[in-house]
Amino acid sequence: AHWNHVVTDDALAHVPGRLTDEVYAVYTNLEHAGRSRSGW
């Protein structure tokens, strides 16, 4: 659903300071950072 929102709204078209044309999907701020991928 998030991908659909970003693509449909062309949300990355005018990002300031853009360095490249690659797109990243980042998984961060893990609830159990350093221990596991489980949680929020």
PDB file of all heavy atoms in Angstrom:
ATOM      1  N   ALA A   1       0.840  -1.207   0.000  1.00  0.00           N
ATOM      2  CA  ALA A   1       0.000   0.000   0.000  1.00  0.00           C
ATOM      3  C   ALA A   1       0.871   1.253   0.000  1.00  0.00           C
ATOM      4  O   ALA A   1       0.560   2.245  -0.675  1.00  0.00           O
ATOM      5  CB  ALA A   1      -0.935   0.001   1.209  1.00  0.00           C
ATOM      6  N   HIS A   2       1.973   1.203   0.741  1.00  0.00           N
ATOM      7  CA  HIS A   2       2.889   2.352   0.792  1.00  0.00           C
ATOM      8  C   HIS A   2       3.544   2.573  -0.570  1.00  0.00           C
ATOM      9  O   HIS A   2       3.637   3.704  -1.050  1.00  0.00           O
ATOM     10  CB  HIS A   2       3.924   2.117   1.886  1.00  0.00           C
ATOM     11  CG  HIS A   2       4.753   3.313   2.196  1.00  0.00           C
ATOM     12  ND1 HIS A   2       4.215   4.534   2.526  1.00  0.00           N
ATOM     13  CD2 HIS A   2       6.098   3.488   2.213  1.00  0.00           C
ATOM     14  CE1 HIS A   2       5.188   5.400   2.738  1.00  0.00           C
ATOM     15  NE2 HIS A   2       6.348   4.797   2.542  1.00  0.00           N
ATOM     16  N   TRP A   3       3.996   1.493  -1.213  1.00  0.00           N
ATOM     17  CA  TRP A   3       4.561   1.609  -2.571  1.00  0.00           C
ATOM     18  C   TRP A   3       3.529   2.228  -3.511  1.00  0.00           C
ATOM     19  O   TRP A   3       3.849   3.120  -4.297  1.00  0.00           O
ATOM     20  CB  TRP A   3       4.990   0.241  -3.103  1.00  0.00           C
ATOM     21  CG  TRP A   3       6.390  -0.141  -2.750  1.00  0.00           C
ATOM     22  CD1 TRP A   3       6.772  -1.107  -1.876  1.00  0.00           C
ATOM     23  CD2 TRP A   3       7.603   0.425  -3.270  1.00  0.00           C
ATOM     24  NE1 TRP A   3       8.151  -1.177  -1.817  1.00  0.00           N
ATOM     25  CE2 TRP A   3       8.679  -0.253  -2.667  1.00  0.00           C
ATOM     26  CE3 TRP A   3       7.881   1.436  -4.190  1.00  0.00           C
ATOM     27  CZ2 TRP A   3      10.009   0.043  -2.947  1.00  0.00           C
ATOM     28  CZ3 TRP A   3       9.205   1.731  -4.486  1.00  0.00           C
ATOM     29  CH2 TRP A   3      10.250   1.045  -3.863  1.00  0.00           C
ATOM     30  N   ASN A   4       2.311   1.750  -3.432  1.00  0.00           N
ATOM     31  CA  ASN A   4       1.247   2.265  -4.288  1.00  0.00           C
ATOM     32  C   ASN A   4       1.061   3.765  -4.089  1.00  0.00           C
ATOM     33  O   ASN A   4       0.947   4.525  -5.053  1.00  0.00           O
ATOM     34  CB  ASN A   4      -0.061   1.515  -4.033  1.00  0.00           C
ATOM     35  CG  ASN A   4      -1.141   1.918  -5.003  1.00  0.00           C
ATOM     36  OD1 ASN A   4      -0.956   1.863  -6.216  1.00  0.00           O
ATOM     37  ND2 ASN A   4      -2.277   2.335  -4.471  1.00  0.00           N
ATOM     38  N   HIS A   5       1.044   4.195  -2.842  1.00  0.00           N
ATOM     39  CA  HIS A   5       0.897   5.622  -2.518  1.00  0.00           C
ATOM     40  C   HIS A   5       2.060   6.439  -3.101  1.00  0.00           C
ATOM     41  O   HIS A   5       1.836   7.467  -3.751  1.00  0.00           O
ATOM     42  CB  HIS A   5       0.824   5.803  -0.999  1.00  0.00           C
ATOM     43  CG  HIS A   5       1.101   7.184  -0.533  1.00  0.00           C
ATOM     44  ND1 HIS A   5       0.234   8.237  -0.737  1.00  0.00           N
ATOM     45  CD2 HIS A   5       2.163   7.702   0.122  1.00  0.00           C
ATOM     46  CE1 HIS A   5       0.759   9.337  -0.223  1.00  0.00           C
ATOM     47  NE2 HIS A   5       1.926   9.037   0.302  1.00  0.00           N
ATOM     48  N   VAL A   6       3.281   5.980  -2.874  1.00  0.00           N
ATOM     49  CA  VAL A   6       4.459   6.728  -3.336  1.00  0.00           C
ATOM     50  C   VAL A   6       4.497   6.806  -4.862  1.00  0.00           C
ATOM     51  O   VAL A   6       4.746   7.863  -5.440  1.00  0.00           O
ATOM     52  CB  VAL A   6       5.752   6.103  -2.774  1.00  0.00           C
ATOM     53  CG1 VAL A   6       6.995   6.707  -3.430  1.00  0.00           C
ATOM     54  CG2 VAL A   6       5.814   6.289  -1.259  1.00  0.00           C
ATOM     55  N   VAL A   7       4.218   5.688  -5.531  1.00  0.00           N
ATOM     56  CA  VAL A   7       4.260   5.652  -6.994  1.00  0.00           C
ATOM     57  C   VAL A   7       3.097   6.435  -7.598  1.00  0.00           C
ATOM     58  O   VAL A   7       3.290   7.262  -8.501  1.00  0.00           O
ATOM     59  CB  VAL A   7       4.282   4.195  -7.504  1.00  0.00           C
ATOM     60  CG1 VAL A   7       4.094   4.126  -9.007  1.00  0.00           C
ATOM     61  CG2 VAL A   7       5.581   3.515  -7.086  1.00  0.00           C
ATOM     62  N   THR A   8       1.890   6.211  -7.101  1.00  0.00           N
ATOM     63  CA  THR A   8       0.703   6.883  -7.642  1.00  0.00           C
ATOM     64  C   THR A   8       0.798   8.400  -7.509  1.00  0.00           C
ATOM     65  O   THR A   8       0.448   9.133  -8.429  1.00  0.00           O
ATOM     66  CB  THR A   8      -0.577   6.372  -6.942  1.00  0.00           C
ATOM     67  OG1 THR A   8      -0.670   4.963  -7.152  1.00  0.00           O
ATOM     68  CG2 THR A   8      -1.819   7.048  -7.482  1.00  0.00           C
ATOM     69  N   ASP A   9       1.300   8.856  -6.364  1.00  0.00           N
ATOM     70  CA  ASP A   9       1.415  10.298  -6.124  1.00  0.00           C
ATOM     71  C   ASP A   9       2.700  10.891  -6.696  1.00  0.00           C
ATOM     72  O   ASP A   9       2.937  12.090  -6.549  1.00  0.00           O
ATOM     73  CB  ASP A   9       1.342  10.595  -4.624  1.00  0.00           C
ATOM     74  CG  ASP A   9      -0.021  10.301  -4.041  1.00  0.00           C
ATOM     75  OD1 ASP A   9      -0.982  10.065  -4.812  1.00  0.00           O
ATOM     76  OD2 ASP A   9      -0.133  10.305  -2.798  1.00  0.00           O
ATOM     77  N   ASP A  10       3.562  10.046  -7.309  1.00  0.00           N
ATOM     78  CA  ASP A  10       4.857  10.490  -7.834  1.00  0.00           C
ATOM     79  C   ASP A  10       5.603  11.294  -6.773  1.00  0.00           C
ATOM     80  O   ASP A  10       6.179  12.347  -7.033  1.00  0.00           O
ATOM     81  CB  ASP A  10       4.667  11.298  -9.124  1.00  0.00           C
ATOM     82  CG  ASP A  10       5.914  11.325  -9.981  1.00  0.00           C
ATOM     83  OD1 ASP A  10       6.824  10.505  -9.740  1.00  0.00           O
ATOM     84  OD2 ASP A  10       5.983  12.181 -10.890  1.00  0.00           O
ATOM     85  N   ALA A  11       5.566  10.773  -5.543  1.00  0.00           N
ATOM     86  CA  ALA A  11       6.063  11.481  -4.361  1.00  0.00           C
ATOM     87  C   ALA A  11       7.557  11.774  -4.372  1.00  0.00           C
ATOM     88  O   ALA A  11       8.013  12.648  -3.639  1.00  0.00           O
ATOM     89  CB  ALA A  11       5.700  10.689  -3.107  1.00  0.00           C
ATOM     90  N   LEU A  12       8.327  11.086  -5.190  1.00  0.00           N
ATOM     91  CA  LEU A  12       9.778  11.300  -5.199  1.00  0.00           C
ATOM     92  C   LEU A  12      10.240  12.178  -6.352  1.00  0.00           C
ATOM     93  O   LEU A  12      11.431  12.411  -6.518  1.00  0.00           O
ATOM     94  CB  LEU A  12      10.497   9.946  -5.251  1.00  0.00           C
ATOM     95  CG  LEU A  12      10.149   8.959  -4.135  1.00  0.00           C
ATOM     96  CD1 LEU A  12      10.907   7.649  -4.327  1.00  0.00           C
ATOM     97  CD2 LEU A  12      10.416   9.558  -2.775  1.00  0.00           C
ATOM     98  N   ALA A  13       9.306  12.687  -7.129  1.00  0.00           N
ATOM     99  CA  ALA A  13       9.654  13.454  -8.330  1.00  0.00           C
ATOM    100  C   ALA A  13      10.442  14.726  -8.038  1.00  0.00           C
ATOM    101  O   ALA A  13      11.304  15.118  -8.826  1.00  0.00           O
ATOM    102  CB  ALA A  13       8.393  13.787  -9.118  1.00  0.00           C
ATOM    103  N   HIS A  14      10.160  15.370  -6.929  1.00  0.00           N
ATOM    104  CA  HIS A  14      10.779  16.680  -6.664  1.00  0.00           C
ATOM    105  C   HIS A  14      11.506  16.715  -5.321  1.00  0.00           C
ATOM    106  O   HIS A  14      11.438  17.711  -4.610  1.00  0.00           O
ATOM    107  CB  HIS A  14       9.721  17.776  -6.728  1.00  0.00           C
ATOM    108  CG  HIS A  14       8.989  17.795  -8.033  1.00  0.00           C
ATOM    109  ND1 HIS A  14       9.588  18.187  -9.211  1.00  0.00           N
ATOM    110  CD2 HIS A  14       7.734  17.432  -8.360  1.00  0.00           C
ATOM    111  CE1 HIS A  14       8.719  18.079 -10.200  1.00  0.00           C
ATOM    112  NE2 HIS A  14       7.583  17.610  -9.706  1.00  0.00           N
ATOM    113  N   VAL A  15      12.212  15.628  -5.000  1.00  0.00           N
ATOM    114  CA  VAL A  15      12.949  15.579  -3.745  1.00  0.00           C
ATOM    115  C   VAL A  15      14.144  16.528  -3.833  1.00  0.00           C
ATOM    116  O   VAL A  15      14.950  16.424  -4.755  1.00  0.00           O
ATOM    117  CB  VAL A  15      13.421  14.137  -3.440  1.00  0.00           C
ATOM    118  CG1 VAL A  15      14.336  14.111  -2.223  1.00  0.00           C
ATOM    119  CG2 VAL A  15      12.234  13.220  -3.234  1.00  0.00           C
ATOM    120  N   PRO A  16      14.265  17.456  -2.869  1.00  0.00           N
ATOM    121  CA  PRO A  16      15.409  18.377  -2.898  1.00  0.00           C
ATOM    122  C   PRO A  16      16.702  17.648  -2.518  1.00  0.00           C
ATOM    123  O   PRO A  16      16.682  16.700  -1.744  1.00  0.00           O
ATOM    124  CB  PRO A  16      15.043  19.407  -1.825  1.00  0.00           C
ATOM    125  CG  PRO A  16      14.118  18.697  -0.898  1.00  0.00           C
ATOM    126  CD  PRO A  16      13.371  17.707  -1.745  1.00  0.00           C
ATOM    127  N   GLY A  17      17.812  18.080  -3.098  1.00  0.00           N
ATOM    128  CA  GLY A  17      19.112  17.520  -2.745  1.00  0.00           C
ATOM    129  C   GLY A  17      19.384  16.129  -3.277  1.00  0.00           C
ATOM    130  O   GLY A  17      20.332  15.472  -2.858  1.00  0.00           O
ATOM    131  N   ARG A  18      18.580  15.681  -4.206  1.00  0.00           N
ATOM    132  CA  ARG A  18      18.709  14.330  -4.764  1.00  0.00           C
ATOM    133  C   ARG A  18      20.089  14.159  -5.400  1.00  0.00           C
ATOM    134  O   ARG A  18      20.532  14.985  -6.187  1.00  0.00           O
ATOM    135  CB  ARG A  18      17.607  14.132  -5.802  1.00  0.00           C
ATOM    136  CG  ARG A  18      17.531  12.749  -6.367  1.00  0.00           C
ATOM    137  CD  ARG A  18      16.374  12.653  -7.364  1.00  0.00           C
ATOM    138  NE  ARG A  18      16.079  11.268  -7.598  1.00  0.00           N
ATOM    139  CZ  ARG A  18      14.868  10.773  -7.736  1.00  0.00           C
ATOM    140  NH1 ARG A  18      13.830  11.559  -7.677  1.00  0.00           N
ATOM    141  NH2 ARG A  18      14.696   9.499  -7.949  1.00  0.00           N
ATOM    142  N   LEU A  19      20.754  13.027  -5.080  1.00  0.00           N
ATOM    143  CA  LEU A  19      22.097  12.777  -5.596  1.00  0.00           C
ATOM    144  C   LEU A  19      22.125  11.824  -6.784  1.00  0.00           C
ATOM    145  O   LEU A  19      23.022  11.914  -7.630  1.00  0.00           O
ATOM    146  CB  LEU A  19      22.995  12.208  -4.486  1.00  0.00           C
ATOM    147  CG  LEU A  19      23.217  13.127  -3.281  1.00  0.00           C
ATOM    148  CD1 LEU A  19      24.020  12.400  -2.213  1.00  0.00           C
ATOM    149  CD2 LEU A  19      23.921  14.408  -3.708  1.00  0.00           C
ATOM    150  N   THR A  20      21.178  10.881  -6.836  1.00  0.00           N
ATOM    151  CA  THR A  20      21.147   9.888  -7.905  1.00  0.00           C
ATOM    152  C   THR A  20      19.693   9.576  -8.251  1.00  0.00           C
ATOM    153  O   THR A  20      18.776  10.042  -7.585  1.00  0.00           O
ATOM    154  CB  THR A  20      21.832   8.561  -7.493  1.00  0.00           C
ATOM    155  OG1 THR A  20      21.052   7.941  -6.471  1.00  0.00           O
ATOM    156  CG2 THR A  20      23.247   8.784  -6.998  1.00  0.00           C
ATOM    157  N   ASP A  21      19.501   8.758  -9.259  1.00  0.00           N
ATOM    158  CA  ASP A  21      18.149   8.355  -9.643  1.00  0.00           C
ATOM    159  C   ASP A  21      17.726   7.017  -9.048  1.00  0.00           C
ATOM    160  O   ASP A  21      16.597   6.592  -9.249  1.00  0.00           O
ATOM    161  CB  ASP A  21      18.030   8.302 -11.169  1.00  0.00           C
ATOM    162  CG  ASP A  21      18.037   9.694 -11.780  1.00  0.00           C
ATOM    163  OD1 ASP A  21      17.552  10.631 -11.120  1.00  0.00           O
ATOM    164  OD2 ASP A  21      18.534   9.844 -12.915  1.00  0.00           O
ATOM    165  N   GLU A  22      18.629   6.340  -8.319  1.00  0.00           N
ATOM    166  CA  GLU A  22      18.246   5.088  -7.669  1.00  0.00           C
ATOM    167  C   GLU A  22      17.187   5.365  -6.604  1.00  0.00           C
ATOM    168  O   GLU A  22      17.162   6.428  -5.998  1.00  0.00           O
ATOM    169  CB  GLU A  22      19.445   4.413  -6.980  1.00  0.00           C
ATOM    170  CG  GLU A  22      20.352   3.677  -7.909  1.00  0.00           C
ATOM    171  CD  GLU A  22      21.516   4.523  -8.388  1.00  0.00           C
ATOM    172  OE1 GLU A  22      21.701   5.640  -7.873  1.00  0.00           O
ATOM    173  OE2 GLU A  22      22.225   4.069  -9.294  1.00  0.00           O
ATOM    174  N   VAL A  23      16.329   4.391  -6.389  1.00  0.00           N
ATOM    175  CA  VAL A  23      15.323   4.470  -5.329  1.00  0.00           C
ATOM    176  C   VAL A  23      15.702   3.443  -4.274  1.00  0.00           C
ATOM    177  O   VAL A  23      16.126   2.331  -4.590  1.00  0.00           O
ATOM    178  CB  VAL A  23      13.907   4.201  -5.885  1.00  0.00           C
ATOM    179  CG1 VAL A  23      12.881   4.085  -4.763  1.00  0.00           C
ATOM    180  CG2 VAL A  23      13.515   5.305  -6.863  1.00  0.00           C
ATOM    181  N   TYR A  24      15.538   3.842  -3.010  1.00  0.00           N
ATOM    182  CA  TYR A  24      15.847   2.964  -1.886  1.00  0.00           C
ATOM    183  C   TYR A  24      14.591   2.744  -1.055  1.00  0.00           C
ATOM    184  O   TYR A  24      13.797   3.659  -0.872  1.00  0.00           O
ATOM    185  CB  TYR A  24      16.918   3.587  -0.983  1.00  0.00           C
ATOM    186  CG  TYR A  24      18.257   3.685  -1.651  1.00  0.00           C
ATOM    187  CD1 TYR A  24      18.601   4.806  -2.409  1.00  0.00           C
ATOM    188  CD2 TYR A  24      19.188   2.660  -1.540  1.00  0.00           C
ATOM    189  CE1 TYR A  24      19.833   4.895  -3.035  1.00  0.00           C
ATOM    190  CE2 TYR A  24      20.420   2.741  -2.157  1.00  0.00           C
ATOM    191  CZ  TYR A  24      20.730   3.866  -2.907  1.00  0.00           C
ATOM    192  OH  TYR A  24      21.951   3.940  -3.524  1.00  0.00           O
ATOM    193  N   ALA A  25      14.438   1.533  -0.560  1.00  0.00           N
ATOM    194  CA  ALA A  25      13.409   1.210   0.422  1.00  0.00           C
ATOM    195  C   ALA A  25      14.175   0.792   1.672  1.00  0.00           C
ATOM    196  O   ALA A  25      14.804  -0.267   1.699  1.00  0.00           O
ATOM    197  CB  ALA A  25      12.510   0.092  -0.074  1.00  0.00           C
ATOM    198  N   VAL A  26      14.164   1.661   2.677  1.00  0.00           N
ATOM    199  CA  VAL A  26      14.993   1.485   3.861  1.00  0.00           C
ATOM    200  C   VAL A  26      14.160   0.961   5.025  1.00  0.00           C
ATOM    201  O   VAL A  26      13.084   1.488   5.315  1.00  0.00           O
ATOM    202  CB  VAL A  26      15.668   2.821   4.250  1.00  0.00           C
ATOM    203  CG1 VAL A  26      16.538   2.653   5.488  1.00  0.00           C
ATOM    204  CG2 VAL A  26      16.486   3.376   3.086  1.00  0.00           C
ATOM    205  N   TYR A  27      14.685  -0.050   5.678  1.00  0.00           N
ATOM    206  CA  TYR A  27      14.083  -0.633   6.874  1.00  0.00           C
ATOM    207  C   TYR A  27      14.955  -0.193   8.045  1.00  0.00           C
ATOM    208  O   TYR A  27      16.118  -0.589   8.141  1.00  0.00           O
ATOM    209  CB  TYR A  27      14.078  -2.160   6.792  1.00  0.00           C
ATOM    210  CG  TYR A  27      13.270  -2.702   5.638  1.00  0.00           C
ATOM    211  CD1 TYR A  27      13.761  -2.658   4.329  1.00  0.00           C
ATOM    212  CD2 TYR A  27      12.018  -3.258   5.852  1.00  0.00           C
ATOM    213  CE1 TYR A  27      13.017  -3.159   3.263  1.00  0.00           C
ATOM    214  CE2 TYR A  27      11.268  -3.763   4.790  1.00  0.00           C
ATOM    215  CZ  TYR A  27      11.775  -3.705   3.508  1.00  0.00           C
ATOM    216  OH  TYR A  27      11.040  -4.195   2.459  1.00  0.00           O
ATOM    217  N   THR A  28      14.420   0.640   8.927  1.00  0.00           N
ATOM    218  CA  THR A  28      15.223   1.216   9.995  1.00  0.00           C
ATOM    219  C   THR A  28      14.379   1.397  11.252  1.00  0.00           C
ATOM    220  O   THR A  28      13.190   1.106  11.250  1.00  0.00           O
ATOM    221  CB  THR A  28      15.865   2.538   9.514  1.00  0.00           C
ATOM    222  OG1 THR A  28      16.824   2.973  10.474  1.00  0.00           O
ATOM    223  CG2 THR A  28      14.828   3.610   9.253  1.00  0.00           C
ATOM    224  N   ASN A  29      15.008   1.907  12.294  1.00  0.00           N
ATOM    225  CA  ASN A  29      14.327   2.120  13.580  1.00  0.00           C
ATOM    226  C   ASN A  29      13.619   0.850  14.039  1.00  0.00           C
ATOM    227  O   ASN A  29      12.457   0.875  14.448  1.00  0.00           O
ATOM    228  CB  ASN A  29      13.341   3.287  13.496  1.00  0.00           C
ATOM    229  CG  ASN A  29      14.019   4.573  13.099  1.00  0.00           C
ATOM    230  OD1 ASN A  29      15.140   4.842  13.520  1.00  0.00           O
ATOM    231  ND2 ASN A  29      13.368   5.350  12.260  1.00  0.00           N
ATOM    232  N   LEU A  30      14.340  -0.269  13.963  1.00  0.00           N
ATOM    233  CA  LEU A  30      13.791  -1.560  14.366  1.00  0.00           C
ATOM    234  C   LEU A  30      13.544  -1.595  15.869  1.00  0.00           C
ATOM    235  O   LEU A  30      14.373  -1.124  16.653  1.00  0.00           O
ATOM    236  CB  LEU A  30      14.743  -2.699  13.984  1.00  0.00           C
ATOM    237  CG  LEU A  30      14.759  -3.097  12.510  1.00  0.00           C
ATOM    238  CD1 LEU A  30      15.490  -2.107  11.651  1.00  0.00           C
ATOM    239  CD2 LEU A  30      15.368  -4.469  12.361  1.00  0.00           C
ATOM    240  N   GLU A  31      12.419  -2.155  16.252  1.00  0.00           N
ATOM    241  CA  GLU A  31      12.068  -2.271  17.666  1.00  0.00           C
ATOM    242  C   GLU A  31      13.132  -3.056  18.431  1.00  0.00           C
ATOM    243  O   GLU A  31      13.457  -2.718  19.570  1.00  0.00           O
ATOM    244  CB  GLU A  31      10.703  -2.950  17.800  1.00  0.00           C
ATOM    245  CG  GLU A  31      10.237  -3.109  19.225  1.00  0.00           C
ATOM    246  CD  GLU A  31       8.866  -3.739  19.341  1.00  0.00           C
ATOM    247  OE1 GLU A  31       8.231  -4.051  18.305  1.00  0.00           O
ATOM    248  OE2 GLU A  31       8.412  -3.924  20.479  1.00  0.00           O
ATOM    249  N   HIS A  32      13.680  -4.092  17.808  1.00  0.00           N
ATOM    250  CA  HIS A  32      14.691  -4.924  18.459  1.00  0.00           C
ATOM    251  C   HIS A  32      16.036  -4.775  17.740  1.00  0.00           C
ATOM    252  O   HIS A  32      16.692  -5.774  17.430  1.00  0.00           O
ATOM    253  CB  HIS A  32      14.232  -6.381  18.486  1.00  0.00           C
ATOM    254  CG  HIS A  32      12.934  -6.567  19.202  1.00  0.00           C
ATOM    255  ND1 HIS A  32      12.793  -6.408  20.564  1.00  0.00           N
ATOM    256  CD2 HIS A  32      11.691  -6.855  18.742  1.00  0.00           C
ATOM    257  CE1 HIS A  32      11.534  -6.607  20.913  1.00  0.00           C
ATOM    258  NE2 HIS A  32      10.840  -6.873  19.813  1.00  0.00           N
ATOM    259  N   ALA A  33      16.416  -3.536  17.478  1.00  0.00           N
ATOM    260  CA  ALA A  33      17.653  -3.238  16.749  1.00  0.00           C
ATOM    261  C   ALA A  33      18.843  -3.946  17.394  1.00  0.00           C
ATOM    262  O   ALA A  33      18.984  -3.977  18.615  1.00  0.00           O
ATOM    263  CB  ALA A  33      17.896  -1.740  16.715  1.00  0.00           C
ATOM    264  N   GLY A  34      19.664  -4.528  16.524  1.00  0.00           N
ATOM    265  CA  GLY A  34      20.855  -5.223  16.980  1.00  0.00           C
ATOM    266  C   GLY A  34      20.602  -6.652  17.437  1.00  0.00           C
ATOM    267  O   GLY A  34      21.553  -7.388  17.688  1.00  0.00           O
ATOM    268  N   ARG A  35      19.314  -7.041  17.547  1.00  0.00           N
ATOM    269  CA  ARG A  35      19.006  -8.390  18.047  1.00  0.00           C
ATOM    270  C   ARG A  35      18.218  -9.231  17.048  1.00  0.00           C
ATOM    271  O   ARG A  35      18.495 -10.408  16.876  1.00  0.00           O
ATOM    272  CB  ARG A  35      18.233  -8.287  19.353  1.00  0.00           C
ATOM    273  CG  ARG A  35      19.019  -7.623  20.471  1.00  0.00           C
ATOM    274  CD  ARG A  35      18.319  -7.719  21.811  1.00  0.00           C
ATOM    275  NE  ARG A  35      16.897  -7.458  21.743  1.00  0.00           N
ATOM    276  CZ  ARG A  35      16.310  -6.328  22.134  1.00  0.00           C
ATOM    277  NH1 ARG A  35      17.034  -5.345  22.617  1.00  0.00           N
ATOM    278  NH2 ARG A  35      15.000  -6.181  22.062  1.00  0.00           N
ATOM    279  N   SER A  36      17.176  -8.631  16.429  1.00  0.00           N
ATOM    280  CA  SER A  36      16.350  -9.406  15.500  1.00  0.00           C
ATOM    281  C   SER A  36      15.557  -8.483  14.596  1.00  0.00           C
ATOM    282  O   SER A  36      15.445  -7.283  14.847  1.00  0.00           O
ATOM    283  CB  SER A  36      15.390 -10.335  16.262  1.00  0.00           C
ATOM    284  OG  SER A  36      14.261  -9.624  16.717  1.00  0.00           O
ATOM    285  N   ARG A  37      14.940  -9.067  13.571  1.00  0.00           N
ATOM    286  CA  ARG A  37      14.116  -8.304  12.641  1.00  0.00           C
ATOM    287  C   ARG A  37      12.657  -8.292  13.071  1.00  0.00           C
ATOM    288  O   ARG A  37      11.806  -7.732  12.389  1.00  0.00           O
ATOM    289  CB  ARG A  37      14.255  -8.854  11.215  1.00  0.00           C
ATOM    290  CG  ARG A  37      13.777 -10.277  11.047  1.00  0.00           C
ATOM    291  CD  ARG A  37      14.015 -10.755   9.605  1.00  0.00           C
ATOM    292  NE  ARG A  37      13.701 -12.139   9.435  1.00  0.00           N
ATOM    293  CZ  ARG A  37      12.504 -12.596   9.052  1.00  0.00           C
ATOM    294  NH1 ARG A  37      11.525 -11.762   8.803  1.00  0.00           N
ATOM    295  NH2 ARG A  37      12.307 -13.884   8.912  1.00  0.00           N
ATOM    296  N   SER A  38      12.335  -8.912  14.192  1.00  0.00           N
ATOM    297  CA  SER A  38      10.950  -8.958  14.661  1.00  0.00           C
ATOM    298  C   SER A  38      10.535  -7.609  15.255  1.00  0.00           C
ATOM    299  O   SER A  38      11.370  -6.784  15.600  1.00  0.00           O
ATOM    300  CB  SER A  38      10.769 -10.069  15.701  1.00  0.00           C
ATOM    301  OG  SER A  38      11.514  -9.765  16.861  1.00  0.00           O
ATOM    302  N   GLY A  39       9.240  -7.396  15.357  1.00  0.00           N
ATOM    303  CA  GLY A  39       8.721  -6.180  15.966  1.00  0.00           C
ATOM    304  C   GLY A  39       8.474  -5.074  14.947  1.00  0.00           C
ATOM    305  O   GLY A  39       8.437  -5.295  13.738  1.00  0.00           O
ATOM    306  N   TRP A  40       8.291  -3.878  15.460  1.00  0.00           N
ATOM    307  CA  TRP A  40       7.980  -2.696  14.655  1.00  0.00           C
ATOM    308  C   TRP A  40       9.229  -2.146  13.983  1.00  0.00           C
ATOM    309  O   TRP A  40      10.335  -2.266  14.511  1.00  0.00           O
ATOM    310  CB  TRP A  40       7.355  -1.622  15.534  1.00  0.00           C
ATOM    311  CG  TRP A  40       5.974  -1.983  15.971  1.00  0.00           C
ATOM    312  CD1 TRP A  40       5.625  -2.704  17.083  1.00  0.00           C
ATOM    313  CD2 TRP A  40       4.766  -1.679  15.291  1.00  0.00           C
ATOM    314  NE1 TRP A  40       4.274  -2.865  17.125  1.00  0.00           N
ATOM    315  CE2 TRP A  40       3.710  -2.238  16.037  1.00  0.00           C
ATOM    316  CE3 TRP A  40       4.464  -0.989  14.118  1.00  0.00           C
ATOM    317  CZ2 TRP A  40       2.387  -2.135  15.663  1.00  0.00           C
ATOM    318  CZ3 TRP A  40       3.146  -0.874  13.744  1.00  0.00           C
ATOM    319  CH2 TRP A  40       2.125  -1.445  14.503  1.00  0.00           C
TER     320      TRP A  40
END
